Protein backbone atom coordinates (compact mmCIF):
# COMPACT_ATOMS: atom_id res chain seq x y z
CA UNK A 1 -11.35 16.95 9.71
CA UNK A 2 -12.29 12.62 10.60
CA UNK A 3 -12.44 12.08 14.34
CA UNK A 4 -10.25 9.38 14.09
CA UNK A 5 -7.72 11.69 12.98
CA UNK A 6 -8.27 14.26 15.68
CA UNK A 7 -7.92 12.19 18.01
CA UNK A 8 -4.43 11.21 16.93
CA UNK A 9 -3.44 14.70 16.48
CA UNK A 10 -0.40 13.72 18.47
CA UNK A 11 0.92 10.71 16.58
CA UNK A 12 2.30 12.04 13.04
CA UNK A 13 1.32 9.93 10.24
CA UNK A 14 3.92 9.89 8.14
CA UNK A 15 7.60 8.65 9.01
CA UNK A 16 9.58 11.60 8.21
CA UNK A 17 6.84 13.75 11.02
CA UNK A 18 7.49 11.30 13.70
CA UNK A 19 11.09 11.16 13.22
CA UNK A 20 11.28 14.89 13.44
CA UNK A 21 9.47 15.10 16.66
CA UNK A 22 12.05 11.99 18.00
CA UNK A 23 14.52 14.13 17.08
CA UNK A 24 14.21 17.56 18.13
CA UNK A 25 14.68 18.58 21.71
CA UNK A 26 11.32 17.85 23.77
CA UNK A 27 11.20 14.38 21.95
CA UNK A 28 14.64 13.50 23.10
CA UNK A 29 14.17 14.92 26.76
CA UNK A 30 10.81 12.86 26.65
CA UNK A 31 12.76 9.57 25.59
CA UNK A 32 15.27 9.92 28.46
CA UNK A 33 12.51 11.00 31.37
CA UNK A 34 9.89 8.06 30.14
CA UNK A 35 12.69 5.23 30.01
CA UNK A 36 12.52 4.21 33.75
CA UNK A 37 8.50 4.06 32.93
CA UNK A 38 9.39 1.76 29.81
CA UNK A 39 10.59 -0.89 31.72
CA UNK A 40 7.71 -1.53 33.51
CA UNK A 41 5.31 -3.72 31.85
CA UNK A 42 1.61 -3.17 31.48
CA UNK A 43 1.03 -4.73 34.57
CA UNK A 44 3.59 -3.12 36.46
CA UNK A 45 2.04 0.14 35.04
CA UNK A 46 -1.51 -0.49 36.12
CA UNK A 47 0.00 -1.45 39.77
CA UNK A 48 2.43 1.99 39.72
CA UNK A 49 -1.18 3.93 39.18
CA UNK A 50 -3.72 1.88 41.45
CA UNK A 51 -0.62 2.46 43.94
CA UNK A 52 -0.66 6.31 42.90
CA UNK A 53 -4.54 6.44 43.40
CA UNK A 54 -4.46 4.63 46.67
CA UNK A 55 -1.86 7.20 48.05
CA UNK A 56 -4.59 10.16 47.71
CA UNK A 57 -6.39 7.81 50.36
CA UNK A 58 -3.77 7.16 52.43
CA UNK A 59 -2.37 10.55 53.54
CA UNK A 60 -3.73 10.18 57.08
CA UNK A 61 -2.00 7.59 58.19
CA UNK A 62 -3.34 8.05 61.85
CA UNK A 63 -6.90 7.04 60.67
CA UNK A 64 -6.12 4.44 58.01
CA UNK A 65 -3.66 1.80 56.81
CA UNK A 66 -4.00 2.44 53.08
CA UNK A 67 -0.54 3.71 53.48
CA UNK A 68 0.70 0.16 53.65
CA UNK A 69 -0.98 -0.77 50.46
CA UNK A 70 1.07 1.99 49.05
CA UNK A 71 3.98 1.16 50.42
CA UNK A 72 3.57 -2.39 49.64
CA UNK A 73 2.99 -1.79 45.71
CA UNK A 74 5.63 0.37 45.77
CA UNK A 75 8.20 -1.77 47.02
CA UNK A 76 7.07 -4.33 44.49
CA UNK A 77 7.24 -2.31 41.66
CA UNK A 78 10.79 -0.83 42.74
CA UNK A 79 12.26 -4.06 43.51
CA UNK A 80 10.90 -5.53 39.71
CA UNK A 81 12.36 -2.26 38.19
CA UNK A 82 16.03 -2.85 40.05
CA UNK A 83 16.38 -6.46 38.23
CA UNK A 84 15.66 -5.48 34.76
CA UNK A 85 19.33 -5.18 33.78
CA UNK A 86 19.83 -9.01 34.01
CA UNK A 87 16.96 -9.82 31.79
CA UNK A 88 18.56 -8.73 28.17
CA UNK A 89 17.25 -10.73 24.93
CA UNK A 90 21.12 -11.20 24.40
CA UNK A 91 21.99 -13.42 21.22
CA UNK A 92 18.16 -12.67 19.81
CA UNK A 93 17.88 -10.73 16.58
CA UNK A 94 14.70 -9.47 15.61
CA UNK A 95 13.10 -9.10 12.13
CA UNK A 96 9.42 -7.81 10.44
CA UNK A 97 8.02 -8.63 7.30
CA UNK A 98 4.98 -7.71 5.91
CA UNK A 99 3.47 -7.53 1.77
CA UNK A 100 4.38 -4.57 -0.06
CA UNK A 101 0.93 -3.89 -0.89
CA UNK A 102 -2.25 -4.33 0.46
CA UNK A 103 -5.70 -3.64 -0.78
CA UNK A 104 -7.80 -0.60 0.89
CA UNK A 105 -10.47 -2.43 3.67
CA UNK A 106 -8.10 -5.76 3.89
CA UNK A 107 -6.42 -6.64 6.51
CA UNK A 108 -2.35 -6.74 6.51
CA UNK A 109 -0.39 -9.72 8.28
CA UNK A 110 2.81 -8.67 9.53
CA UNK A 111 4.58 -11.45 10.91
CA UNK A 112 7.84 -10.56 13.80
CA UNK A 113 10.95 -13.25 13.78
CA UNK A 114 12.89 -13.82 16.29
CA UNK A 115 15.77 -15.76 16.15
CA UNK A 116 18.38 -17.27 19.40
CA UNK A 117 21.58 -17.54 18.56
CA UNK A 118 22.76 -17.46 21.57
CA UNK A 119 23.66 -20.21 24.22
CA UNK A 120 21.28 -18.95 26.61
CA UNK A 121 17.43 -19.90 26.69
CA UNK A 122 15.16 -17.18 27.14
CA UNK A 123 11.70 -17.35 28.34
CA UNK A 124 8.51 -14.92 28.48
CA UNK A 125 9.26 -12.38 25.52
CA UNK A 126 6.52 -10.16 24.88
CA UNK A 127 6.18 -8.39 21.45
CA UNK A 128 4.74 -4.68 22.08
CA UNK A 129 3.69 -3.20 19.07
CA UNK A 130 4.19 0.59 18.11
CA UNK A 131 1.51 3.10 17.84
CA UNK A 132 -0.25 3.59 14.83
CA UNK A 133 -1.04 6.40 12.32
CA UNK A 134 -4.79 7.28 12.74
CA UNK A 135 -6.01 5.50 10.10
CA UNK A 136 -4.63 2.11 11.35
CA UNK A 137 -5.90 -0.17 13.59
CA UNK A 138 -4.37 -3.59 15.15
CA UNK A 139 -6.95 -6.30 14.65
CA UNK A 140 -4.99 -9.39 16.31
CA UNK A 141 -2.09 -8.91 18.39
CA UNK A 142 0.11 -11.91 19.17
CA UNK A 143 0.67 -13.56 22.52
CA UNK A 144 3.53 -13.84 24.87
CA UNK A 145 6.33 -16.66 23.62
CA UNK A 146 6.77 -18.55 26.48
CA UNK A 147 10.22 -20.09 25.45
CA UNK A 148 12.64 -19.35 22.71
CA UNK A 149 15.88 -22.19 22.93
CA UNK A 150 19.32 -21.67 21.32
CA UNK A 151 19.09 -21.91 17.82
CA UNK A 152 15.60 -21.42 18.10
CA UNK A 153 13.27 -19.24 15.91
CA UNK A 154 9.70 -17.98 16.60
CA UNK A 155 7.32 -16.41 14.26
CA UNK A 156 4.28 -14.20 15.14
CA UNK A 157 1.72 -12.92 13.01
CA UNK A 158 -0.09 -9.26 13.76
CA UNK A 159 -3.09 -8.17 11.68
CA UNK A 160 -3.76 -4.61 10.90
CA UNK A 161 -6.06 -2.56 9.10
CA UNK A 162 -5.39 0.89 7.10
CA UNK A 163 -8.60 3.32 6.37
CA UNK A 164 -6.39 5.57 3.54
CA UNK A 165 -4.55 4.72 0.67
CA UNK A 166 -1.11 5.57 0.08
CA UNK A 167 2.46 4.93 1.31
CA UNK A 168 2.76 3.80 5.15
CA UNK A 169 5.17 3.05 7.25
CA UNK A 170 4.99 0.97 10.65
CA UNK A 171 7.76 1.83 13.33
CA UNK A 172 9.55 -0.87 14.78
CA UNK A 173 8.04 -3.93 16.96
CA UNK A 174 9.85 -3.92 20.16
CA UNK A 175 10.94 -7.61 21.68
CA UNK A 176 11.08 -7.80 25.54
CA UNK A 177 11.92 -10.49 28.26
CA UNK A 178 9.38 -10.50 31.14
CA UNK A 179 10.58 -10.89 34.67
CA UNK A 180 9.20 -13.41 37.38
CA UNK A 181 5.48 -12.05 38.28
CA UNK A 182 5.79 -10.03 35.05
CA UNK A 183 5.77 -6.47 36.30
CA UNK A 184 8.89 -5.41 34.65
CA UNK A 185 11.07 -6.26 31.43
CA UNK A 186 14.21 -5.94 30.02
CA UNK A 187 15.84 -3.91 27.62
CA UNK A 188 13.71 -3.82 24.21
CA UNK A 189 15.11 -5.56 21.11
CA UNK A 190 13.56 -3.16 18.02
CA UNK A 191 12.72 -4.71 14.95
CA UNK A 192 13.51 -2.52 11.94
CA UNK A 193 10.23 -0.61 10.34
CA UNK A 194 9.11 -1.26 7.23
CA UNK A 195 6.93 0.37 4.24
CA UNK A 196 4.00 -0.95 2.21
CA UNK A 197 1.33 0.95 -0.26
CA UNK A 198 -2.41 0.64 0.49
CA UNK A 199 -3.35 0.58 -3.18
CA UNK A 200 -7.57 0.64 -4.06
CA UNK A 201 -9.62 -2.27 -5.00
CA UNK A 202 -9.80 -3.37 -8.21
CA UNK A 203 -13.10 -3.21 -9.87
CA UNK A 204 -14.38 -6.32 -11.28
CA UNK A 205 -14.20 -5.50 -14.89
CA UNK A 206 -15.02 -8.40 -16.99
CA UNK A 207 -15.14 -7.16 -20.27
CA UNK A 208 -14.43 -3.35 -21.53
CA UNK A 209 -15.25 -1.97 -25.23
CA UNK A 210 -12.85 0.21 -26.30
CA UNK A 211 -12.30 2.12 -29.76
CA UNK A 212 -10.91 -0.37 -32.31
CA UNK A 213 -8.46 2.15 -33.95
CA UNK A 214 -4.68 1.75 -34.34
CA UNK A 215 -2.05 4.25 -34.85
CA UNK A 216 1.43 3.57 -36.26
CA UNK A 217 4.22 3.28 -33.61
CA UNK A 218 7.89 3.27 -35.26
CA UNK A 219 10.15 1.13 -34.24
CA UNK A 220 7.28 -1.14 -32.71
CA UNK A 221 8.17 -2.85 -29.19
CA UNK A 222 10.08 -5.74 -29.74
CA UNK A 223 8.49 -7.62 -26.23
CA UNK A 224 4.95 -7.07 -27.83
CA UNK A 225 2.86 -10.29 -27.90
CA UNK A 226 1.83 -11.10 -32.03
CA UNK A 227 -1.97 -10.86 -32.45
CA UNK A 228 -1.68 -12.23 -36.76
CA UNK A 229 -1.31 -8.37 -37.90
CA UNK A 230 1.73 -7.20 -39.87
CA UNK A 231 4.71 -7.68 -38.45
CA UNK A 232 8.37 -6.64 -39.59
CA UNK A 233 11.07 -8.39 -39.09
CA UNK A 234 13.44 -7.15 -36.06
CA UNK A 235 16.22 -9.72 -36.03
CA UNK A 236 17.04 -13.31 -35.00
CA UNK A 237 17.98 -14.64 -31.62
CA UNK A 238 18.74 -17.88 -29.46
CA UNK A 239 16.01 -20.17 -29.36
CA UNK A 240 14.37 -19.61 -26.06
CA UNK A 241 11.53 -22.59 -24.78
CA UNK A 242 8.09 -21.32 -25.82
CA UNK A 243 8.87 -19.84 -28.91
CA UNK A 244 7.21 -21.24 -31.97
CA UNK A 245 8.53 -23.72 -34.20
CA UNK A 246 7.79 -21.54 -37.32
CA UNK A 247 10.12 -19.08 -36.38
CA UNK A 248 13.16 -21.34 -36.54
CA UNK A 249 15.52 -19.86 -39.00
CA UNK A 250 17.16 -22.89 -40.64
CA UNK A 251 20.19 -20.96 -42.06
CA UNK A 252 20.98 -19.01 -38.67
CA UNK A 253 20.69 -22.38 -36.98
CA UNK A 254 23.28 -23.96 -39.33
CA UNK A 255 25.82 -20.70 -38.88
CA UNK A 256 25.95 -20.68 -34.73
CA UNK A 257 25.30 -24.68 -34.20
CA UNK A 258 22.40 -23.85 -31.92
CA UNK A 259 18.75 -23.13 -32.93
CA UNK A 260 17.82 -19.72 -33.84
CA UNK A 261 14.47 -18.09 -34.22
CA UNK A 262 13.11 -14.93 -36.09
CA UNK A 263 12.43 -11.84 -33.58
CA UNK A 264 9.26 -9.56 -35.01
CA UNK A 265 7.90 -6.60 -33.74
CA UNK A 266 4.63 -4.80 -34.64
CA UNK A 267 4.49 -1.28 -36.38
CA UNK A 268 0.53 -0.84 -35.61
CA UNK A 269 -1.17 -1.25 -32.47
CA UNK A 270 -3.45 -0.16 -29.63
CA UNK A 271 -2.28 2.13 -27.14
CA UNK A 272 -4.67 3.38 -24.77
CA UNK A 273 -4.44 6.45 -21.99
CA UNK A 274 -6.37 6.41 -18.50
CA UNK A 275 -7.69 9.83 -17.26
CA UNK A 276 -8.96 9.78 -13.97
CA UNK A 277 -11.35 12.50 -12.67
CA UNK A 278 -10.34 13.86 -8.96
CA UNK A 279 -12.33 16.74 -8.63
CA UNK A 280 -13.26 17.25 -5.23
CA UNK A 281 -16.17 19.08 -5.72
CA UNK A 282 -17.95 17.27 -8.24
CA UNK A 283 -18.59 13.97 -6.15
CA UNK A 284 -18.25 12.67 -2.59
CA UNK A 285 -15.05 10.87 -1.20
CA UNK A 286 -16.88 7.62 -1.76
CA UNK A 287 -17.45 8.45 -5.35
CA UNK A 288 -13.79 9.18 -5.72
CA UNK A 289 -12.86 5.90 -3.83
CA UNK A 290 -14.80 4.16 -6.32
CA UNK A 291 -13.46 6.08 -9.21
CA UNK A 292 -9.78 5.02 -8.45
CA UNK A 293 -11.10 1.50 -7.88
CA UNK A 294 -12.91 1.43 -11.59
CA UNK A 295 -9.92 2.88 -12.99
CA UNK A 296 -7.27 0.16 -11.49
CA UNK A 297 -10.48 -2.23 -12.81
CA UNK A 298 -9.81 -1.09 -16.28
CA UNK A 299 -6.18 -1.10 -16.05
CA UNK A 300 -6.34 -4.70 -15.20
CA UNK A 301 -8.81 -5.70 -17.78
CA UNK A 302 -6.77 -3.80 -20.56
CA UNK A 303 -3.79 -5.89 -19.39
CA UNK A 304 -5.40 -9.07 -20.07
CA UNK A 305 -5.56 -7.97 -23.71
CA UNK A 306 -3.42 -7.13 -26.63
CA UNK A 307 -3.91 -3.36 -26.30
CA UNK A 308 -0.79 -1.20 -24.28
CA UNK A 309 -1.57 1.09 -21.28
CA UNK A 310 0.53 3.68 -22.07
CA UNK A 311 -0.32 6.79 -19.96
CA UNK A 312 -2.18 7.58 -16.54
CA UNK A 313 -3.45 10.90 -15.74
CA UNK A 314 -4.99 11.21 -12.50
CA UNK A 315 -5.74 15.00 -11.26
CA UNK A 316 -2.48 16.40 -11.48
CA UNK A 317 0.11 13.76 -11.83
CA UNK A 318 0.92 12.17 -15.12
CA UNK A 319 2.62 8.59 -14.87
CA UNK A 320 4.23 7.35 -18.01
CA UNK A 321 3.38 3.31 -17.98
CA UNK A 322 3.84 0.11 -20.56
CA UNK A 323 1.39 -2.18 -19.02
CA UNK A 324 -0.18 -5.22 -21.21
CA UNK A 325 1.56 -7.51 -24.05
CA UNK A 326 4.10 -8.83 -21.31
CA UNK A 327 5.61 -5.43 -20.26
CA UNK A 328 4.88 -4.10 -17.18
CA UNK A 329 2.46 -4.94 -14.10
CA UNK A 330 -0.85 -3.87 -12.75
CA UNK A 331 1.20 -3.05 -9.60
CA UNK A 332 2.82 0.22 -11.19
CA UNK A 333 -0.51 1.74 -11.94
CA UNK A 334 -2.08 0.69 -8.43
CA UNK A 335 1.45 2.44 -6.86
CA UNK A 336 0.31 5.57 -9.01
CA UNK A 337 -3.47 5.24 -8.03
CA UNK A 338 -2.67 4.76 -4.45
CA UNK A 339 -0.96 8.35 -4.27
CA UNK A 340 -4.05 10.19 -5.83
CA UNK A 341 -5.30 13.06 -3.65
CA UNK A 342 -8.65 15.03 -4.46
CA UNK A 343 -8.18 18.29 -6.70
CA UNK A 344 -10.07 21.39 -7.10
CA UNK A 345 -11.71 21.55 -10.32
CA UNK A 346 -11.90 19.51 -13.74
CA UNK A 347 -10.21 22.05 -16.02
CA UNK A 348 -10.30 20.66 -19.94
CA UNK A 349 -7.18 22.81 -21.19
CA UNK A 350 -5.16 21.56 -18.41
CA UNK A 351 -5.72 18.03 -18.91
CA UNK A 352 -5.54 18.53 -22.44
CA UNK A 353 -1.79 19.80 -21.81
CA UNK A 354 -0.50 16.94 -19.70
CA UNK A 355 -2.16 14.71 -22.18
CA UNK A 356 -0.66 16.52 -25.17
CA UNK A 357 3.20 14.50 -25.08
CA UNK A 358 1.11 11.58 -25.43
CA UNK A 359 -1.24 12.42 -28.17
CA UNK A 360 0.67 11.48 -31.23
CA UNK A 361 0.62 7.43 -30.25
CA UNK A 362 -2.12 7.38 -28.26
CA UNK A 363 -5.22 5.37 -29.97
CA UNK A 364 -7.87 6.16 -27.49
CA UNK A 365 -8.73 7.06 -24.24
CA UNK A 366 -10.43 6.18 -21.15
CA UNK A 367 -11.60 9.00 -18.91
CA UNK A 368 -13.14 8.10 -15.38
CA UNK A 369 -15.32 10.76 -14.43
CA UNK A 370 -17.13 12.08 -11.23
CA UNK A 371 -19.38 13.86 -13.09
CA UNK A 372 -20.51 14.92 -16.86
CA UNK A 373 -20.84 18.31 -17.51
CA UNK A 374 -19.66 21.06 -20.51
CA UNK A 375 -16.21 20.66 -19.06
CA UNK A 376 -15.96 17.24 -19.80
CA UNK A 377 -17.84 17.10 -22.82
CA UNK A 378 -15.43 19.74 -23.99
CA UNK A 379 -12.44 17.77 -23.07
CA UNK A 380 -14.04 14.76 -25.10
CA UNK A 381 -14.80 16.78 -27.89
CA UNK A 382 -10.82 17.94 -28.34
CA UNK A 383 -9.27 14.78 -28.04
CA UNK A 384 -11.66 13.40 -30.50
CA UNK A 385 -10.83 16.45 -32.70
CA UNK A 386 -7.41 15.04 -32.48
CA UNK A 387 -8.23 12.16 -33.76
CA UNK A 388 -8.13 10.08 -30.34
CA UNK A 389 -11.25 8.03 -29.61
CA UNK A 390 -12.50 8.61 -25.85
CA UNK A 391 -14.64 6.02 -23.81
CA UNK A 392 -16.34 7.86 -20.73
CA UNK A 393 -17.04 6.06 -17.57
CA UNK A 394 -18.97 8.12 -15.11
CA UNK A 395 -18.96 7.04 -11.24
CA UNK A 396 -22.84 7.86 -10.20
CA UNK A 397 -25.51 6.41 -8.37
CA UNK A 398 -27.55 4.89 -11.32
CA UNK A 399 -26.91 2.82 -13.82
CA UNK A 400 -27.45 4.13 -17.61
CA UNK A 401 -25.67 4.53 -21.17
CA UNK A 402 -25.70 7.02 -23.80
CA UNK A 403 -23.90 8.00 -26.64
CA UNK A 404 -21.60 10.06 -24.75
CA UNK A 405 -21.11 8.37 -21.49
CA UNK A 406 -21.52 5.05 -19.43
CA UNK A 407 -22.42 5.58 -15.74
CA UNK A 408 -21.66 2.82 -13.33
CA UNK A 409 -23.24 2.75 -10.18
CA UNK A 410 -20.95 3.20 -7.34
CA UNK A 411 -22.88 0.30 -5.39
CA UNK A 412 -21.79 -2.12 -8.05
CA UNK A 413 -17.92 -1.24 -7.64
CA UNK A 414 -17.88 -1.36 -3.81
CA UNK A 415 -19.69 -4.45 -4.02
CA UNK A 416 -17.44 -6.46 -6.50
CA UNK A 417 -20.01 -6.95 -9.21
CA UNK A 418 -19.26 -8.01 -12.73
CA UNK A 419 -19.01 -4.90 -14.85
CA UNK A 420 -19.33 -5.31 -18.60
CA UNK A 421 -18.03 -1.65 -20.02
């Protein structure tokens, strides 16, 4: 277990687990008992702790005057606590916004907004961050807000970094009004929580040479771009800005009284499947992250071309996609890759079984592997026997190229070097 994860063993990593903890009997009791303590600011809590430590040395009132300091500190804290009810952020609404996705290793910016729809000016507002799961750390926290006038809007940005791919959920931030002296705070105003996905870094694949074979696709894809190959006439439709002038259909234009164009679809084109090796025993976790990054780069490169990325297989997970040629987006593939977890072993038969529903329409497959052995060679041979050419990219330590596989250095992937595959 990672030491960072061990240090946060009492903080569940998922929202559902945290909600179960909060809603359990013990969680409800602890929340009730901690309410008075939470009305103190961090300065007030520090003073209360120091007063408790001083009380250990002030028990003998006949020989020391330390008890005076204890009583003075306690009275100050109690007085600050008694007036917290008067410091509510009435008329204020709080919101939290953040990007839908963030790349692994990058910082994510969380924006907290406070809008005052009331008639009272609020001063000395503090934003209290939530506890993060073990892989998250705050990189920059906002300063206190001096003033929020009626009708005013203020925003503050918090930066955080997360070290693990996958879906994350940030619990609500809390906005509180500080009392004079800053020892206590009014009732908290929570924002909403927010969900986002930490996705793999996209490797910089500048060129990718895949097998050129194509397969017949009955019915074609009407939205696919045209590349000069033979196409079948699908019908006519109203003209849209950007349509080629040569596709205008004069007779339909005359009949409808508005410009009409011919619409075509291709019956032969390239559909590619992406297979990612997630064998935990074949390489280190860094190599797995490199393989996912390389797979993301391959998908991004294919989306810029005329091929379609049709299916993505990562371990036991199979996702049917339609990326490229103005269909879909890279984000779909990144969401799938973000959820990948290591799996035991690489089974050629199991992988073929997952791909079998798609083999009839696939032109080729790109295998991103963590090793090159008999099992992976058997998988490639079985694919080629079914008429599906396979490009093998192995994430390793040193670059090499053979007739069977191309080894891509992990260092080149992580450093963002240009990869011509």
